[in-house]
């Protein structure tokens, strides 16, 4: 049965009440919510579909659904509101302000005229929040803060409106422009926990809880939401991916892979169903899938994902989106497999239009491969290119990450030149910068955690006790990352800490239960534990 028809059949009946249409959207594909509005009966299905898609960040499809609703009912004020809101991406700090303003102007040219189109006080209040977000001060950060304040007023005025509460929590997350601010994230979590308790099938509730908790400290609290979100909205590829935010933060690699395999497949099914272009594929899920395969020791599967992205770079004529993901996936593959002469390093990658962190990641990866292959001249060329990009970059997290990788590559050169003390000092500086960066979600950035590299260097200098401490700290930021676990196991073994070594090797054995046959590190694990490889 076609997807759209399935949604139509599963939406519950519309019941008129004095304040407008009290309608409930309930579908096993997208979730469940209740949203009173004054739109025409015929416009309810696309409007509610758009609302559920909006909660799952399926922005393109949400815009289509809201546009369909307003075409059916040209005076349906909330349909214009929804379409405008689909141009705002709070967690990603992106907004197409002009497009949103254009949508609102189609309802009426001024805020006052738009309010006159809304039959109820509640709908007028929703429209006011949109005007705060899109029509106010042109400084986006200021508008984001003002929008969160407006959403708080809406949330407090309509305590039974779970969508107002959910969107208020999301607006709070959109004010954390300086990186993850735990005070903001926990405030958002407190609001949306109430939504989740009152409606465990609300897609925004589970979704925004995951975003609130997707760091190594809070991830265990978000595991419940992660377990249910994909079941709430399996038709949304983003909903299938989002649980892996919690799984990565907890080192649950089998779950990471399953989540992103499902998301990648769903995104491709949507591309096929809607006859979309290559840039609409689910590359974000593919990147996380590649990283999950690497942690599982399934390097052949990870390489398959690289072939996919490389081909899609060609098919898209080198779009920025495909090239970004190629850079991230290739870096993870080379760094985590330590295949310093891999064919993937020969894939051409144009840096035009890519951000400083992405370019630095690519230059660092190729530079580290060069130094490991004894090609000092090429390494210096990559380092010089990195330093130029970092010097010109604006201050912020991306420049911090790029600076860490610059220090790491320079430290590798110093170590190769026989200057271990200088190399260690530079790596400790890099680690201090990384420690000061806000926790982020997903595969690590910088691609080679500074304390992991520092631990490996200390281990090479036969200082295993110090190395052990560095690997432990690396694992605090990236739980169960296998390169750090392997370093910890080796350092503990050399330091005579048999129990720590046994635990670390044991964890690796569990993670690598599906690893490619013949990997030296897997054989090392079984040899140290006295077990046969399977």
Protein backbone atom coordinates (compact mmCIF):
# COMPACT_ATOMS: atom_id res chain seq x y z
CA UNK A 1 0.00 0.00 0.00
CA UNK A 2 1.52 3.44 -0.88
CA UNK A 3 3.01 5.21 2.13
CA UNK A 4 0.88 8.39 1.91
CA UNK A 5 -2.31 6.36 1.63
CA UNK A 6 -1.26 4.27 4.63
CA UNK A 7 -0.86 7.42 6.71
CA UNK A 8 -4.27 8.69 5.61
CA UNK A 9 -5.95 5.47 6.61
CA UNK A 10 -4.29 5.37 10.01
CA UNK A 11 -5.07 8.94 11.08
CA UNK A 12 -7.87 8.97 13.60
CA UNK A 13 -11.24 10.62 13.02
CA UNK A 14 -11.61 14.36 13.39
CA UNK A 15 -13.84 15.58 16.18
CA UNK A 16 -15.06 19.20 16.22
CA UNK A 17 -14.95 21.10 19.51
CA UNK A 18 -15.80 24.67 20.34
CA UNK A 19 -12.23 25.95 20.13
CA UNK A 20 -11.59 24.45 16.71
CA UNK A 21 -10.73 20.99 15.43
CA UNK A 22 -9.31 18.72 18.09
CA UNK A 23 -7.39 16.24 16.01
CA UNK A 24 -5.16 13.37 16.87
CA UNK A 25 -2.49 12.01 14.57
CA UNK A 26 -1.62 8.41 15.29
CA UNK A 27 0.33 6.20 12.92
CA UNK A 28 2.80 3.38 13.44
CA UNK A 29 5.00 5.07 10.81
CA UNK A 30 5.50 8.54 12.33
CA UNK A 31 4.23 8.57 15.92
CA UNK A 32 1.33 10.18 17.74
CA UNK A 33 0.30 13.63 18.86
CA UNK A 34 -2.86 15.66 19.44
CA UNK A 35 -3.06 19.18 18.02
CA UNK A 36 -6.20 21.39 18.03
CA UNK A 37 -6.48 23.69 15.04
CA UNK A 38 -9.02 25.46 12.85
CA UNK A 39 -8.06 24.12 9.45
CA UNK A 40 -10.47 22.51 7.05
CA UNK A 41 -11.21 18.85 7.58
CA UNK A 42 -9.67 17.93 4.22
CA UNK A 43 -6.38 19.63 5.22
CA UNK A 44 -5.96 17.79 8.51
CA UNK A 45 -4.15 14.71 7.24
CA UNK A 46 -1.31 16.52 5.44
CA UNK A 47 -1.02 19.05 8.27
CA UNK A 48 -0.68 16.40 10.94
CA UNK A 49 1.68 14.38 8.79
CA UNK A 50 3.81 17.50 8.42
CA UNK A 51 3.76 18.07 12.17
CA UNK A 52 4.97 14.53 12.92
CA UNK A 53 7.64 14.78 10.21
CA UNK A 54 8.76 18.12 11.65
CA UNK A 55 9.38 16.49 15.03
CA UNK A 56 11.64 13.94 13.30
CA UNK A 57 13.62 16.59 11.36
CA UNK A 58 12.32 15.27 8.04
CA UNK A 59 12.24 18.87 6.93
CA UNK A 60 11.80 18.49 3.17
CA UNK A 61 8.89 16.10 3.51
CA UNK A 62 7.36 18.22 6.28
CA UNK A 63 7.42 21.30 4.04
CA UNK A 64 5.70 19.35 1.29
CA UNK A 65 2.99 18.18 3.67
CA UNK A 66 2.32 21.65 5.12
CA UNK A 67 2.27 23.15 1.61
CA UNK A 68 -0.30 20.54 0.62
CA UNK A 69 -2.43 21.50 3.63
CA UNK A 70 -2.40 25.21 2.78
CA UNK A 71 -3.22 24.52 -0.87
CA UNK A 72 -6.29 22.63 0.30
CA UNK A 73 -7.20 25.40 2.75
CA UNK A 74 -5.54 28.72 1.74
CA UNK A 75 -6.69 30.36 5.01
CA UNK A 76 -5.20 27.61 7.24
CA UNK A 77 -2.85 29.78 9.30
CA UNK A 78 -1.14 26.90 11.10
CA UNK A 79 -0.18 25.25 7.81
CA UNK A 80 1.83 28.37 6.92
CA UNK A 81 3.35 28.31 10.41
CA UNK A 82 4.42 24.69 9.99
CA UNK A 83 5.93 25.22 6.55
CA UNK A 84 7.90 28.20 7.84
CA UNK A 85 9.13 26.25 10.87
CA UNK A 86 10.43 23.52 8.57
CA UNK A 87 12.98 26.06 7.34
CA UNK A 88 14.49 26.25 10.85
CA UNK A 89 16.95 23.56 12.00
CA UNK A 90 17.73 24.45 15.63
CA UNK A 91 20.07 21.61 16.62
CA UNK A 92 22.15 22.16 13.47
CA UNK A 93 22.06 25.96 13.95
CA UNK A 94 20.87 26.47 10.38
CA UNK A 95 17.97 28.48 9.11
CA UNK A 96 16.70 29.59 5.70
CA UNK A 97 15.30 32.86 6.99
CA UNK A 98 14.29 34.24 3.59
CA UNK A 99 12.36 31.12 2.64
CA UNK A 100 10.54 31.13 5.99
CA UNK A 101 9.63 34.80 5.63
CA UNK A 102 8.37 34.15 2.11
CA UNK A 103 6.04 31.43 3.40
CA UNK A 104 4.67 33.66 6.16
CA UNK A 105 4.12 36.52 3.69
CA UNK A 106 1.92 34.23 1.62
CA UNK A 107 -0.47 34.06 4.56
CA UNK A 108 -0.40 37.87 4.97
CA UNK A 109 2.23 40.59 4.46
CA UNK A 110 2.58 41.76 8.09
CA UNK A 111 2.56 40.13 11.54
CA UNK A 112 -0.66 41.98 12.41
CA UNK A 113 -2.37 40.81 9.25
CA UNK A 114 -1.25 37.24 9.89
CA UNK A 115 -2.70 37.30 13.40
CA UNK A 116 -6.03 38.34 11.93
CA UNK A 117 -6.01 35.11 9.89
CA UNK A 118 -5.77 32.93 13.01
CA UNK A 119 -9.22 32.16 14.49
CA UNK A 120 -8.09 31.20 18.03
CA UNK A 121 -5.86 32.78 20.65
CA UNK A 122 -3.65 29.71 20.72
CA UNK A 123 -3.06 29.83 16.97
CA UNK A 124 -2.28 33.54 17.22
CA UNK A 125 0.29 32.74 19.90
CA UNK A 126 1.94 30.14 17.68
CA UNK A 127 2.15 32.67 14.85
CA UNK A 128 3.71 35.22 17.19
CA UNK A 129 6.56 32.80 17.98
CA UNK A 130 7.25 32.36 14.27
CA UNK A 131 7.44 36.11 13.79
CA UNK A 132 9.90 36.36 16.68
CA UNK A 133 12.09 33.69 15.09
CA UNK A 134 12.01 34.85 11.48
CA UNK A 135 10.94 38.49 11.31
CA UNK A 136 12.77 40.07 14.20
CA UNK A 137 16.41 41.07 14.64
CA UNK A 138 18.63 39.85 11.80
CA UNK A 139 21.16 38.50 14.30
CA UNK A 140 20.30 34.77 14.36
CA UNK A 141 21.60 34.11 17.87
CA UNK A 142 19.50 36.95 19.24
CA UNK A 143 16.43 35.66 17.41
CA UNK A 144 17.07 32.13 18.70
CA UNK A 145 17.16 33.39 22.27
CA UNK A 146 14.05 35.51 21.77
CA UNK A 147 12.30 32.54 20.17
CA UNK A 148 13.10 30.32 23.17
CA UNK A 149 11.60 32.96 25.45
CA UNK A 150 8.49 33.16 23.28
CA UNK A 151 8.18 29.38 23.27
CA UNK A 152 8.48 29.36 27.05
CA UNK A 153 5.51 31.73 27.26
CA UNK A 154 3.53 29.50 24.89
CA UNK A 155 4.45 26.41 26.90
CA UNK A 156 3.41 28.03 30.17
CA UNK A 157 0.15 29.41 28.77
CA UNK A 158 -0.96 26.03 27.34
CA UNK A 159 0.26 23.38 29.80
CA UNK A 160 -1.76 20.62 28.10
CA UNK A 161 -0.20 21.32 24.69
CA UNK A 162 2.52 18.67 24.43
CA UNK A 163 3.72 20.00 21.09
CA UNK A 164 4.28 23.43 22.61
CA UNK A 165 6.35 21.77 25.33
CA UNK A 166 8.34 19.71 22.85
CA UNK A 167 9.05 22.68 20.58
CA UNK A 168 10.03 24.75 23.63
CA UNK A 169 12.60 22.12 24.59
CA UNK A 170 13.91 22.11 21.01
CA UNK A 171 14.14 25.90 21.02
CA UNK A 172 16.30 25.71 24.15
CA UNK A 173 18.72 23.34 22.41
CA UNK A 174 18.89 25.88 19.59
CA UNK A 175 20.33 28.52 21.94
CA UNK A 176 23.50 26.52 22.76
CA UNK A 177 25.57 28.20 20.05
CA UNK A 178 28.87 27.85 21.91
CA UNK A 179 28.73 24.06 21.98
CA UNK A 180 27.04 21.69 24.40
CA UNK A 181 26.01 23.62 27.50
CA UNK A 182 24.86 21.07 30.08
CA UNK A 183 22.65 23.61 31.87
CA UNK A 184 20.72 24.31 28.67
CA UNK A 185 20.56 20.65 27.66
CA UNK A 186 19.31 19.50 31.05
CA UNK A 187 16.70 22.26 31.13
CA UNK A 188 15.43 21.04 27.76
CA UNK A 189 15.49 17.44 28.98
CA UNK A 190 13.40 18.32 32.06
CA UNK A 191 10.70 19.82 29.84
CA UNK A 192 10.56 17.02 27.32
CA UNK A 193 10.72 14.26 29.95
CA UNK A 194 7.22 15.39 30.95
CA UNK A 195 6.05 15.06 27.35
CA UNK A 196 7.52 11.58 27.10
CA UNK A 197 5.83 10.53 30.34
CA UNK A 198 2.42 11.78 29.14
CA UNK A 199 2.74 10.47 25.59
CA UNK A 200 5.46 7.84 25.10
CA UNK A 201 4.58 7.69 21.37
CA UNK A 202 5.33 11.37 20.77
CA UNK A 203 8.19 11.50 18.23
CA UNK A 204 9.46 14.88 19.42
CA UNK A 205 9.63 13.67 23.02
CA UNK A 206 11.92 10.72 22.30
CA UNK A 207 13.88 12.66 19.66
CA UNK A 208 14.68 15.69 21.79
CA UNK A 209 15.51 13.55 24.80
CA UNK A 210 18.17 11.80 22.72
CA UNK A 211 19.61 15.15 21.66
CA UNK A 212 19.62 16.29 25.29
CA UNK A 213 21.46 13.20 26.52
CA UNK A 214 23.80 12.23 23.66
CA UNK A 215 27.11 12.69 25.46
CA UNK A 216 29.14 10.08 27.39
CA UNK A 217 28.03 11.42 30.78
CA UNK A 218 24.26 11.50 30.24
CA UNK A 219 23.82 8.83 27.56
CA UNK A 220 22.66 6.08 29.96
CA UNK A 221 19.70 8.28 30.90
CA UNK A 222 18.79 8.57 27.23
CA UNK A 223 18.92 4.85 26.50
CA UNK A 224 15.19 4.38 27.15
CA UNK A 225 14.28 7.04 24.56
CA UNK A 226 16.80 5.57 22.12
CA UNK A 227 15.22 2.14 22.40
CA UNK A 228 11.73 3.41 21.54
CA UNK A 229 12.26 6.23 19.02
CA UNK A 230 12.90 4.02 16.01
CA UNK A 231 9.76 2.06 16.86
CA UNK A 232 7.70 5.26 17.18
CA UNK A 233 8.59 6.60 13.74
CA UNK A 234 10.12 3.89 11.53
CA UNK A 235 9.12 5.72 8.33
CA UNK A 236 11.50 8.57 9.19
CA UNK A 237 15.10 7.71 8.34
CA UNK A 238 16.31 10.27 10.87
CA UNK A 239 14.31 8.53 13.59
CA UNK A 240 16.06 5.27 12.70
CA UNK A 241 19.45 6.98 12.92
CA UNK A 242 18.93 9.01 16.11
CA UNK A 243 19.18 6.14 18.62
CA UNK A 244 22.78 5.69 17.50
CA UNK A 245 23.59 9.05 19.13
CA UNK A 246 23.12 7.30 22.46
CA UNK A 247 24.67 4.04 21.27
CA UNK A 248 27.89 5.76 20.12
CA UNK A 249 28.14 7.64 23.40
CA UNK A 250 27.94 4.30 25.24
CA UNK A 251 30.12 2.27 22.86
CA UNK A 252 27.25 -0.04 21.86
CA UNK A 253 28.67 -0.80 18.43
CA UNK A 254 26.30 -3.57 17.33
CA UNK A 255 23.38 -1.22 18.00
CA UNK A 256 25.14 1.64 16.20
CA UNK A 257 25.49 -0.52 13.11
CA UNK A 258 21.92 -1.85 13.20
CA UNK A 259 20.51 1.65 13.68
CA UNK A 260 22.40 3.16 10.77
CA UNK A 261 21.90 0.21 8.44
CA UNK A 262 18.16 0.73 8.92
CA UNK A 263 18.43 4.50 8.47
CA UNK A 264 20.54 4.20 5.32
CA UNK A 265 18.07 1.73 3.81
CA UNK A 266 15.07 3.92 4.69
CA UNK A 267 16.71 7.00 3.19
CA UNK A 268 17.43 5.13 -0.03
CA UNK A 269 13.87 3.82 -0.15
CA UNK A 270 12.65 7.43 0.09
CA UNK A 271 15.04 8.51 -2.69
CA UNK A 272 13.71 5.73 -4.90
CA UNK A 273 10.07 6.36 -4.01
CA UNK A 274 10.27 10.09 -4.70
CA UNK A 275 12.76 9.84 -7.59
CA UNK A 276 15.23 12.16 -5.86
CA UNK A 277 18.82 12.98 -6.73
CA UNK A 278 21.98 11.51 -5.25
CA UNK A 279 22.40 14.36 -2.75
CA UNK A 280 19.23 13.24 -0.97
CA UNK A 281 20.81 9.95 0.12
CA UNK A 282 21.38 9.38 3.86
CA UNK A 283 25.11 10.13 3.95
CA UNK A 284 25.05 11.06 7.64
CA UNK A 285 23.89 7.55 8.52
CA UNK A 286 26.42 6.07 6.08
CA UNK A 287 29.26 7.88 7.84
CA UNK A 288 28.17 6.63 11.26
CA UNK A 289 27.69 3.16 9.78
CA UNK A 290 31.27 3.23 8.49
CA UNK A 291 32.51 4.21 11.96
CA UNK A 292 30.43 1.48 13.60
CA UNK A 293 31.86 -1.14 11.24
CA UNK A 294 35.37 0.07 12.08
CA UNK A 295 34.76 -0.35 15.81
CA UNK A 296 33.40 -3.86 15.18
CA UNK A 297 36.59 -4.74 13.31
CA UNK A 298 34.59 -5.23 10.09
CA UNK A 299 37.03 -3.35 7.90
CA UNK A 300 35.79 -4.91 4.67
CA UNK A 301 32.27 -3.60 5.35
CA UNK A 302 33.67 -0.18 6.22
CA UNK A 303 35.55 -0.13 2.93
CA UNK A 304 32.32 -0.89 1.09
CA UNK A 305 30.81 2.30 2.50
CA UNK A 306 33.84 4.23 1.23
CA UNK A 307 33.31 2.89 -2.26
CA UNK A 308 29.68 4.04 -2.06
CA UNK A 309 30.55 7.60 -1.01
CA UNK A 310 33.39 7.86 -3.53
CA UNK A 311 31.04 6.84 -6.33
CA UNK A 312 28.43 9.31 -5.11
CA UNK A 313 31.00 12.11 -5.14
CA UNK A 314 31.39 11.32 -8.85
CA UNK A 315 27.65 11.00 -9.45
CA UNK A 316 26.95 14.34 -7.74
CA UNK A 317 29.70 16.13 -9.68
CA UNK A 318 31.58 16.69 -6.45
CA UNK A 319 28.85 18.23 -4.33
CA UNK A 320 29.99 19.75 -1.04
CA UNK A 321 27.81 17.32 0.90
CA UNK A 322 29.31 14.19 -0.66
CA UNK A 323 32.88 15.49 -0.44
CA UNK A 324 32.44 16.32 3.26
CA UNK A 325 31.31 12.80 4.00
CA UNK A 326 34.09 11.28 1.93
CA UNK A 327 36.64 13.26 3.96
CA UNK A 328 35.13 12.17 7.29
CA UNK A 329 34.74 8.51 6.33
CA UNK A 330 38.17 8.17 4.75
CA UNK A 331 39.81 9.76 7.78
CA UNK A 332 38.05 7.39 10.17
CA UNK A 333 38.90 4.39 8.00
CA UNK A 334 42.62 5.13 7.67
CA UNK A 335 43.12 6.20 11.29
CA UNK A 336 41.21 3.28 12.81
CA UNK A 337 42.53 0.53 10.52
CA UNK A 338 46.07 1.98 10.49
CA UNK A 339 46.29 0.98 6.83
CA UNK A 340 48.76 3.74 5.98
CA UNK A 341 49.11 2.68 2.34
CA UNK A 342 45.42 2.02 1.67
CA UNK A 343 44.08 2.61 -1.83
CA UNK A 344 41.45 4.92 -0.33
CA UNK A 345 44.16 7.51 0.21
CA UNK A 346 44.49 7.86 -3.55
CA UNK A 347 40.88 9.00 -4.00
CA UNK A 348 40.96 12.60 -5.22
CA UNK A 349 39.22 15.09 -2.93
CA UNK A 350 38.74 18.76 -3.77
CA UNK A 351 38.79 20.95 -0.65
CA UNK A 352 36.91 23.83 -2.25
CA UNK A 353 34.03 24.95 -0.06
CA UNK A 354 34.84 22.58 2.82
CA UNK A 355 35.22 23.91 6.37
CA UNK A 356 38.51 24.23 8.21
CA UNK A 357 37.87 21.18 10.43
CA UNK A 358 37.06 18.98 7.45
CA UNK A 359 40.10 20.11 5.46
CA UNK A 360 42.36 19.72 8.50
CA UNK A 361 40.99 16.22 9.07
CA UNK A 362 41.83 15.22 5.52
CA UNK A 363 45.29 16.80 5.60
CA UNK A 364 46.03 15.26 9.00
CA UNK A 365 45.01 11.78 7.84
CA UNK A 366 47.15 11.91 4.74
CA UNK A 367 49.99 13.51 6.72
CA UNK A 368 49.89 10.81 9.38
CA UNK A 369 49.94 8.16 6.67
CA UNK A 370 52.94 9.88 5.08
CA UNK A 371 54.93 10.04 8.32
CA UNK A 372 54.14 6.40 9.07
CA UNK A 373 55.50 5.57 5.60
CA UNK A 374 58.68 7.56 6.23
CA UNK A 375 57.81 10.34 3.77
CA UNK A 376 58.84 13.35 5.82
CA UNK A 377 58.76 15.82 2.93
CA UNK A 378 55.15 15.05 2.05
CA UNK A 379 54.18 15.22 5.73
CA UNK A 380 55.65 18.71 5.95
CA UNK A 381 53.67 19.79 2.92
CA UNK A 382 50.44 18.63 4.53
CA UNK A 383 51.40 20.32 7.80
CA UNK A 384 52.12 23.63 6.04
CA UNK A 385 48.75 23.47 4.29
CA UNK A 386 47.02 22.77 7.63
CA UNK A 387 48.75 25.68 9.33
CA UNK A 388 47.64 28.07 6.58
CA UNK A 389 44.01 26.96 6.88
CA UNK A 390 44.02 27.14 10.68
CA UNK A 391 45.63 30.59 10.65
CA UNK A 392 42.88 31.97 8.41
CA UNK A 393 39.97 30.30 10.23
CA UNK A 394 37.50 32.08 12.49
CA UNK A 395 37.61 31.30 16.19
CA UNK A 396 35.34 28.51 17.34
CA UNK A 397 35.06 24.78 17.80
CA UNK A 398 36.09 23.95 14.23
CA UNK A 399 39.29 25.94 14.59
CA UNK A 400 39.98 24.26 17.94
CA UNK A 401 39.61 20.79 16.40
CA UNK A 402 41.81 21.77 13.47
CA UNK A 403 44.44 23.15 15.86
CA UNK A 404 44.50 19.87 17.77
CA UNK A 405 45.11 17.93 14.55
CA UNK A 406 47.79 20.40 13.50
CA UNK A 407 49.61 19.86 16.81
CA UNK A 408 49.22 16.09 16.46
CA UNK A 409 50.79 16.02 13.01
CA UNK A 410 53.64 18.26 14.09
CA UNK A 411 54.20 16.04 17.15
CA UNK A 412 54.40 12.97 14.91
CA UNK A 413 57.10 14.71 12.86
CA UNK A 414 59.04 15.69 15.98
CA UNK A 415 58.87 12.16 17.30
CA UNK A 416 60.05 10.79 13.96
CA UNK A 417 62.97 13.24 14.07
CA UNK A 418 64.08 11.97 17.49
CA UNK A 419 62.62 14.77 19.62
CA UNK A 420 60.24 12.85 21.90
CA UNK A 421 60.11 15.43 24.68
CA UNK A 422 59.04 18.19 22.28
CA UNK A 423 56.52 15.82 20.69
CA UNK A 424 54.99 14.89 24.04
CA UNK A 425 54.79 18.53 25.11
CA UNK A 426 52.93 19.44 21.93
CA UNK A 427 50.55 16.50 22.32
CA UNK A 428 49.80 17.51 25.90
CA UNK A 429 48.96 20.98 24.61
CA UNK A 430 46.68 19.38 22.01
CA UNK A 431 45.03 17.24 24.68
CA UNK A 432 44.41 20.28 26.86
CA UNK A 433 42.67 22.03 23.94
CA UNK A 434 40.56 18.94 23.25
CA UNK A 435 39.66 18.59 26.94
CA UNK A 436 38.38 22.17 26.86
CA UNK A 437 36.11 21.51 23.90
CA UNK A 438 32.46 20.80 24.62
CA UNK A 439 31.38 17.18 24.33
CA UNK A 440 30.01 16.50 20.89
CA UNK A 441 27.97 13.63 19.54
CA UNK A 442 29.03 10.98 17.06
CA UNK A 443 32.41 9.80 15.76
CA UNK A 444 35.24 11.66 17.49
CA UNK A 445 36.47 15.02 16.36
CA UNK A 446 39.42 15.39 16.13
CA UNK A 447 39.44 12.11 14.21
CA UNK A 448 42.45 10.91 16.24
CA UNK A 449 41.78 11.74 19.90
CA UNK A 450 44.81 13.57 21.27
CA UNK A 451 45.07 11.49 24.45
CA UNK A 452 44.88 8.30 22.41
CA UNK A 453 47.83 9.43 20.30
CA UNK A 454 49.65 10.61 23.43
CA UNK A 455 49.12 7.19 25.02
CA UNK A 456 50.47 5.45 21.92
CA UNK A 457 53.55 7.66 21.93
CA UNK A 458 54.19 7.06 25.64
CA UNK A 459 53.80 3.33 25.06
CA UNK A 460 56.36 3.50 22.25
CA UNK A 461 58.72 5.21 24.73
CA UNK A 462 58.20 2.33 27.20
CA UNK A 463 56.28 4.47 29.69
CA UNK A 464 53.23 2.21 30.06
CA UNK A 465 51.88 3.54 33.37
CA UNK A 466 51.65 7.06 31.95
CA UNK A 467 50.19 5.67 28.73
CA UNK A 468 47.54 3.80 30.69
CA UNK A 469 46.31 7.04 32.25
CA UNK A 470 46.06 8.73 28.85
CA UNK A 471 44.05 5.87 27.35
CA UNK A 472 41.67 5.95 30.30
CA UNK A 473 41.04 9.66 29.74
CA UNK A 474 40.56 9.07 26.02
CA UNK A 475 37.92 6.46 26.83
CA UNK A 476 36.10 8.94 29.07
CA UNK A 477 35.41 11.05 25.97
CA UNK A 478 34.88 8.13 23.56
CA UNK A 479 33.65 5.10 25.53
CA UNK A 480 34.70 1.68 24.18
CA UNK A 481 36.52 3.20 21.21
CA UNK A 482 38.56 0.19 20.16
CA UNK A 483 41.88 1.92 19.40
CA UNK A 484 41.88 3.40 22.90
CA UNK A 485 40.80 0.10 24.45
CA UNK A 486 43.59 -1.74 22.63
CA UNK A 487 46.09 0.87 23.81
CA UNK A 488 44.84 0.53 27.38
CA UNK A 489 45.12 -3.26 27.23
CA UNK A 490 48.69 -3.09 25.91
CA UNK A 491 49.77 -0.43 28.38
CA UNK A 492 48.24 -2.24 31.35
CA UNK A 493 49.89 -5.49 30.28
CA UNK A 494 53.31 -3.84 30.04
CA UNK A 495 52.78 -2.03 33.35
CA UNK A 496 51.98 -5.30 35.13
CA UNK A 497 48.32 -4.38 35.72
CA UNK A 498 46.96 -7.79 34.77
CA UNK A 499 43.37 -7.13 35.85
CA UNK A 500 42.99 -3.97 33.78
CA UNK A 501 44.60 -5.70 30.80
CA UNK A 502 42.27 -8.67 31.14
CA UNK A 503 39.18 -6.45 31.34
CA UNK A 504 40.22 -4.33 28.34
CA UNK A 505 41.08 -7.36 26.21
CA UNK A 506 37.83 -8.99 27.31
CA UNK A 507 35.79 -5.97 26.21
CA UNK A 508 37.57 -6.01 22.86
CA UNK A 509 36.76 -9.69 22.43
CA UNK A 510 33.09 -8.92 22.96
CA UNK A 511 33.12 -5.98 20.54
CA UNK A 512 35.03 -7.90 17.87
CA UNK A 513 32.78 -10.96 17.84
CA UNK A 514 32.04 -10.28 14.16
CA UNK A 515 35.46 -8.95 13.18
CA UNK A 516 37.10 -9.81 9.88
CA UNK A 517 39.11 -13.01 10.00
CA UNK A 518 42.85 -12.68 10.42
CA UNK A 519 43.07 -9.18 11.89
CA UNK A 520 46.33 -9.04 13.92
CA UNK A 521 44.68 -7.12 16.77
CA UNK A 522 41.94 -9.74 17.07
CA UNK A 523 44.54 -12.49 17.17
CA UNK A 524 46.38 -10.52 19.84
CA UNK A 525 43.23 -10.37 21.96
CA UNK A 526 42.63 -14.11 21.78
CA UNK A 527 46.30 -14.81 22.41
CA UNK A 528 46.37 -12.62 25.53
CA UNK A 529 43.14 -14.15 26.86
CA UNK A 530 44.14 -17.70 25.97
CA UNK A 531 41.11 -18.20 23.74
CA UNK A 532 40.91 -19.36 20.16
CA UNK A 533 39.74 -17.01 17.47
CA UNK A 534 36.32 -17.88 16.15
